[in-house]
């Protein structure tokens, strides 16, 4: 699917739109950021007493250093074309991300879903990890071994002192 292919909406406009959408939904402590070197963008907010951090995989500038295979060998692919292709890819990712968050919030508003159901994987735990980061290794291990995860994590037996 190519929902945002060729969009001309800037990253800044998409970020501002997302901020307005989150504000209307009642989200507090809204923040966005990016790490171009890591190829990630972040959106954080608090909604229904849950802190949520969404990570958006973004293209890295270096991903556009080579000319795409579908380009003619005569086509120039200099620094300007590389920068333009990177910016276009970023604009497309942000547009899709705005649509994704908007759809989740619409489902919540219409009581088709809940904040927990839509954003559970991205809820931040007290140790700074997301629920997804906390569970992903255990779920992979469960599928690998065929053994269910303990509900309360690994069993830890501490010696008790008897009087």
C-alpha atoms as a PDB file:
ATOM      1  CA  UNK A   1       0.000   0.000   0.000  1.00  0.00           C
ATOM      2  CA  UNK A   2       1.176   3.490  -0.684  1.00  0.00           C
ATOM      3  CA  UNK A   3      -1.060   5.773   1.359  1.00  0.00           C
ATOM      4  CA  UNK A   4       1.430   8.640   1.594  1.00  0.00           C
ATOM      5  CA  UNK A   5       3.559   7.988  -1.485  1.00  0.00           C
ATOM      6  CA  UNK A   6       4.681  11.279  -2.960  1.00  0.00           C
ATOM      7  CA  UNK A   7       3.192  13.418  -0.174  1.00  0.00           C
ATOM      8  CA  UNK A   8       4.231  17.044  -0.047  1.00  0.00           C
ATOM      9  CA  UNK A   9       3.224  17.511   3.609  1.00  0.00           C
ATOM     10  CA  UNK A  10       6.337  18.411   5.582  1.00  0.00           C
ATOM     11  CA  UNK A  11       7.533  16.466   8.608  1.00  0.00           C
ATOM     12  CA  UNK A  12       6.981  19.602  10.703  1.00  0.00           C
ATOM     13  CA  UNK A  13       3.331  19.853   9.614  1.00  0.00           C
ATOM     14  CA  UNK A  14       2.777  16.167  10.346  1.00  0.00           C
ATOM     15  CA  UNK A  15       4.326  16.535  13.804  1.00  0.00           C
ATOM     16  CA  UNK A  16       2.164  19.581  14.523  1.00  0.00           C
ATOM     17  CA  UNK A  17      -0.943  17.738  13.310  1.00  0.00           C
ATOM     18  CA  UNK A  18      -0.110  14.768  15.511  1.00  0.00           C
ATOM     19  CA  UNK A  19       0.346  17.069  18.505  1.00  0.00           C
ATOM     20  CA  UNK A  20      -3.099  18.626  17.885  1.00  0.00           C
ATOM     21  CA  UNK A  21      -4.698  15.179  17.510  1.00  0.00           C
ATOM     22  CA  UNK A  22      -3.154  13.986  20.773  1.00  0.00           C
ATOM     23  CA  UNK A  23      -4.132  17.200  22.571  1.00  0.00           C
ATOM     24  CA  UNK A  24      -7.770  16.848  21.425  1.00  0.00           C
ATOM     25  CA  UNK A  25      -7.731  13.246  22.670  1.00  0.00           C
ATOM     26  CA  UNK A  26      -6.707  14.471  26.117  1.00  0.00           C
ATOM     27  CA  UNK A  27      -3.054  13.449  25.993  1.00  0.00           C
ATOM     28  CA  UNK A  28      -0.723  15.385  28.258  1.00  0.00           C
ATOM     29  CA  UNK A  29       3.063  15.722  28.342  1.00  0.00           C
ATOM     30  CA  UNK A  30       3.313  15.426  24.566  1.00  0.00           C
ATOM     31  CA  UNK A  31       6.776  15.339  23.015  1.00  0.00           C
ATOM     32  CA  UNK A  32       8.343  14.392  19.688  1.00  0.00           C
ATOM     33  CA  UNK A  33      11.967  13.888  18.814  1.00  0.00           C
ATOM     34  CA  UNK A  34      14.246  12.227  16.338  1.00  0.00           C
ATOM     35  CA  UNK A  35      17.635  10.583  16.046  1.00  0.00           C
ATOM     36  CA  UNK A  36      18.703  10.763  12.410  1.00  0.00           C
ATOM     37  CA  UNK A  37      21.818   8.655  13.024  1.00  0.00           C
ATOM     38  CA  UNK A  38      19.806   5.819  14.579  1.00  0.00           C
ATOM     39  CA  UNK A  39      16.989   6.179  12.055  1.00  0.00           C
ATOM     40  CA  UNK A  40      14.310   6.673  14.699  1.00  0.00           C
ATOM     41  CA  UNK A  41      11.692   9.226  15.590  1.00  0.00           C
ATOM     42  CA  UNK A  42       9.864   9.277  18.905  1.00  0.00           C
ATOM     43  CA  UNK A  43       6.470  10.409  20.086  1.00  0.00           C
ATOM     44  CA  UNK A  44       5.711  10.409  23.782  1.00  0.00           C
ATOM     45  CA  UNK A  45       2.568  11.312  25.674  1.00  0.00           C
ATOM     46  CA  UNK A  46       0.476  10.497  28.712  1.00  0.00           C
ATOM     47  CA  UNK A  47      -3.068   9.283  28.106  1.00  0.00           C
ATOM     48  CA  UNK A  48      -5.444   7.739  30.672  1.00  0.00           C
ATOM     49  CA  UNK A  49      -2.674   7.801  33.281  1.00  0.00           C
ATOM     50  CA  UNK A  50      -0.403   5.756  31.012  1.00  0.00           C
ATOM     51  CA  UNK A  51       2.912   6.999  29.685  1.00  0.00           C
ATOM     52  CA  UNK A  52       3.294   5.984  26.057  1.00  0.00           C
ATOM     53  CA  UNK A  53       6.421   6.141  23.901  1.00  0.00           C
ATOM     54  CA  UNK A  54       6.063   5.323  20.229  1.00  0.00           C
ATOM     55  CA  UNK A  55       9.170   4.605  18.168  1.00  0.00           C
ATOM     56  CA  UNK A  56       8.966   5.264  14.456  1.00  0.00           C
ATOM     57  CA  UNK A  57      11.597   3.573  12.287  1.00  0.00           C
ATOM     58  CA  UNK A  58      12.907   6.219   9.931  1.00  0.00           C
ATOM     59  CA  UNK A  59      15.252   5.999   6.975  1.00  0.00           C
ATOM     60  CA  UNK A  60      18.870   6.895   7.618  1.00  0.00           C
ATOM     61  CA  UNK A  61      20.520   9.472   5.411  1.00  0.00           C
ATOM     62  CA  UNK A  62      23.117   6.909   4.375  1.00  0.00           C
ATOM     63  CA  UNK A  63      20.377   4.654   3.003  1.00  0.00           C
ATOM     64  CA  UNK A  64      20.167   6.984   0.018  1.00  0.00           C
ATOM     65  CA  UNK A  65      23.868   7.125  -0.842  1.00  0.00           C
ATOM     66  CA  UNK A  66      23.442   4.702  -3.736  1.00  0.00           C
ATOM     67  CA  UNK A  67      21.294   5.346  -6.768  1.00  0.00           C
ATOM     68  CA  UNK A  68      18.120   3.212  -6.739  1.00  0.00           C
ATOM     69  CA  UNK A  69      18.250   0.198  -9.054  1.00  0.00           C
ATOM     70  CA  UNK A  70      15.245   1.391 -11.054  1.00  0.00           C
ATOM     71  CA  UNK A  71      17.021   4.603 -12.114  1.00  0.00           C
ATOM     72  CA  UNK A  72      18.650   4.966 -15.478  1.00  0.00           C
ATOM     73  CA  UNK A  73      22.449   4.782 -15.404  1.00  0.00           C
ATOM     74  CA  UNK A  74      22.411   8.279 -16.854  1.00  0.00           C
ATOM     75  CA  UNK A  75      20.351   9.701 -14.012  1.00  0.00           C
ATOM     76  CA  UNK A  76      22.294  11.899 -11.623  1.00  0.00           C
ATOM     77  CA  UNK A  77      22.224  10.808  -7.991  1.00  0.00           C
ATOM     78  CA  UNK A  78      24.240  13.458  -6.232  1.00  0.00           C
ATOM     79  CA  UNK A  79      23.951  14.849  -2.706  1.00  0.00           C
ATOM     80  CA  UNK A  80      20.887  16.954  -3.606  1.00  0.00           C
ATOM     81  CA  UNK A  81      18.986  13.949  -4.967  1.00  0.00           C
ATOM     82  CA  UNK A  82      20.007  11.860  -1.961  1.00  0.00           C
ATOM     83  CA  UNK A  83      18.764  14.539   0.446  1.00  0.00           C
ATOM     84  CA  UNK A  84      15.511  14.950  -1.490  1.00  0.00           C
ATOM     85  CA  UNK A  85      14.870  11.190  -1.482  1.00  0.00           C
ATOM     86  CA  UNK A  86      15.585  10.979   2.267  1.00  0.00           C
ATOM     87  CA  UNK A  87      13.266  13.918   3.023  1.00  0.00           C
ATOM     88  CA  UNK A  88      10.503  12.371   0.895  1.00  0.00           C
ATOM     89  CA  UNK A  89      10.828   9.044   2.713  1.00  0.00           C
ATOM     90  CA  UNK A  90      10.615  10.850   6.073  1.00  0.00           C
ATOM     91  CA  UNK A  91       7.523  12.801   4.978  1.00  0.00           C
ATOM     92  CA  UNK A  92       5.831   9.557   3.897  1.00  0.00           C
ATOM     93  CA  UNK A  93       6.618   7.788   7.188  1.00  0.00           C
ATOM     94  CA  UNK A  94       5.259  10.672   9.270  1.00  0.00           C
ATOM     95  CA  UNK A  95       2.030  10.850   7.238  1.00  0.00           C
ATOM     96  CA  UNK A  96       1.420   7.130   7.733  1.00  0.00           C
ATOM     97  CA  UNK A  97       2.210   7.476  11.428  1.00  0.00           C
ATOM     98  CA  UNK A  98      -0.280  10.335  11.838  1.00  0.00           C
ATOM     99  CA  UNK A  99      -2.927   8.166  10.159  1.00  0.00           C
ATOM    100  CA  UNK A 100      -2.106   5.226  12.434  1.00  0.00           C
ATOM    101  CA  UNK A 101      -2.382   7.243  15.655  1.00  0.00           C
ATOM    102  CA  UNK A 102      -5.511   9.025  14.423  1.00  0.00           C
ATOM    103  CA  UNK A 103      -7.173   5.665  13.671  1.00  0.00           C
ATOM    104  CA  UNK A 104      -6.285   4.305  17.115  1.00  0.00           C
ATOM    105  CA  UNK A 105      -7.670   7.395  18.851  1.00  0.00           C
ATOM    106  CA  UNK A 106     -10.853   7.300  16.737  1.00  0.00           C
ATOM    107  CA  UNK A 107     -11.398   3.664  17.751  1.00  0.00           C
ATOM    108  CA  UNK A 108     -10.940   4.637  21.401  1.00  0.00           C
ATOM    109  CA  UNK A 109     -13.321   7.606  21.095  1.00  0.00           C
ATOM    110  CA  UNK A 110     -16.017   5.408  19.529  1.00  0.00           C
ATOM    111  CA  UNK A 111     -15.597   2.795  22.292  1.00  0.00           C
ATOM    112  CA  UNK A 112     -14.461   0.242  19.736  1.00  0.00           C
ATOM    113  CA  UNK A 113     -11.246  -0.175  21.689  1.00  0.00           C
ATOM    114  CA  UNK A 114      -9.384   1.093  24.745  1.00  0.00           C
ATOM    115  CA  UNK A 115      -6.172   2.999  25.386  1.00  0.00           C
ATOM    116  CA  UNK A 116      -4.617  -0.162  26.813  1.00  0.00           C
ATOM    117  CA  UNK A 117      -5.562  -2.256  23.812  1.00  0.00           C
ATOM    118  CA  UNK A 118      -4.332   0.263  21.245  1.00  0.00           C
ATOM    119  CA  UNK A 119      -1.135   1.379  22.965  1.00  0.00           C
ATOM    120  CA  UNK A 120      -0.270  -1.468  25.372  1.00  0.00           C
ATOM    121  CA  UNK A 121       2.940  -2.490  23.605  1.00  0.00           C
ATOM    122  CA  UNK A 122       4.215   1.089  23.880  1.00  0.00           C
ATOM    123  CA  UNK A 123       3.233   1.789  27.507  1.00  0.00           C
ATOM    124  CA  UNK A 124       6.326   2.615  29.542  1.00  0.00           C
ATOM    125  CA  UNK A 125       7.121   0.541  32.591  1.00  0.00           C
ATOM    126  CA  UNK A 126       8.832   1.931  35.670  1.00  0.00           C
ATOM    127  CA  UNK A 127      12.226   0.612  34.520  1.00  0.00           C
ATOM    128  CA  UNK A 128      12.021   2.628  31.273  1.00  0.00           C
ATOM    129  CA  UNK A 129      11.255  -0.300  28.994  1.00  0.00           C
ATOM    130  CA  UNK A 130       8.054  -0.597  27.028  1.00  0.00           C
ATOM    131  CA  UNK A 131       5.685  -3.515  27.582  1.00  0.00           C
ATOM    132  CA  UNK A 132       6.837  -4.821  24.193  1.00  0.00           C
ATOM    133  CA  UNK A 133      10.504  -4.682  25.215  1.00  0.00           C
ATOM    134  CA  UNK A 134       9.661  -6.404  28.502  1.00  0.00           C
ATOM    135  CA  UNK A 135       7.747  -9.272  26.882  1.00  0.00           C
ATOM    136  CA  UNK A 136       9.355  -9.859  23.485  1.00  0.00           C
ATOM    137  CA  UNK A 137      12.145 -12.230  24.589  1.00  0.00           C
ATOM    138  CA  UNK A 138       9.836 -14.266  26.806  1.00  0.00           C
ATOM    139  CA  UNK A 139       7.262 -14.665  24.058  1.00  0.00           C
ATOM    140  CA  UNK A 140       9.946 -15.736  21.570  1.00  0.00           C
ATOM    141  CA  UNK A 141      11.234 -18.274  24.116  1.00  0.00           C
ATOM    142  CA  UNK A 142       7.726 -19.588  24.709  1.00  0.00           C
ATOM    143  CA  UNK A 143       7.212 -20.202  20.993  1.00  0.00           C
ATOM    144  CA  UNK A 144      10.690 -21.731  20.684  1.00  0.00           C
ATOM    145  CA  UNK A 145      10.267 -24.157  23.590  1.00  0.00           C
ATOM    146  CA  UNK A 146       6.516 -24.676  23.541  1.00  0.00           C
ATOM    147  CA  UNK A 147       6.396 -23.956  27.284  1.00  0.00           C
ATOM    148  CA  UNK A 148       4.161 -21.200  28.657  1.00  0.00           C
ATOM    149  CA  UNK A 149       5.635 -18.259  30.496  1.00  0.00           C
ATOM    150  CA  UNK A 150       5.143 -18.098  34.258  1.00  0.00           C
ATOM    151  CA  UNK A 151       2.527 -15.464  35.000  1.00  0.00           C
ATOM    152  CA  UNK A 152       4.712 -13.664  37.527  1.00  0.00           C
ATOM    153  CA  UNK A 153       8.036 -14.087  35.776  1.00  0.00           C
ATOM    154  CA  UNK A 154      10.769 -16.543  36.716  1.00  0.00           C
ATOM    155  CA  UNK A 155      10.344 -18.209  40.056  1.00  0.00           C
ATOM    156  CA  UNK A 156      12.588 -16.715  42.681  1.00  0.00           C
ATOM    157  CA  UNK A 157      12.802 -18.527  45.956  1.00  0.00           C
ATOM    158  CA  UNK A 158      14.386 -16.516  48.694  1.00  0.00           C
ATOM    159  CA  UNK A 159      15.259 -18.287  51.885  1.00  0.00           C
ATOM    160  CA  UNK A 160      12.982 -17.406  54.717  1.00  0.00           C
ATOM    161  CA  UNK A 161      14.113 -17.135  58.273  1.00  0.00           C
ATOM    162  CA  UNK A 162      12.278 -19.318  60.675  1.00  0.00           C
ATOM    163  CA  UNK A 163      11.816 -18.056  64.235  1.00  0.00           C
END
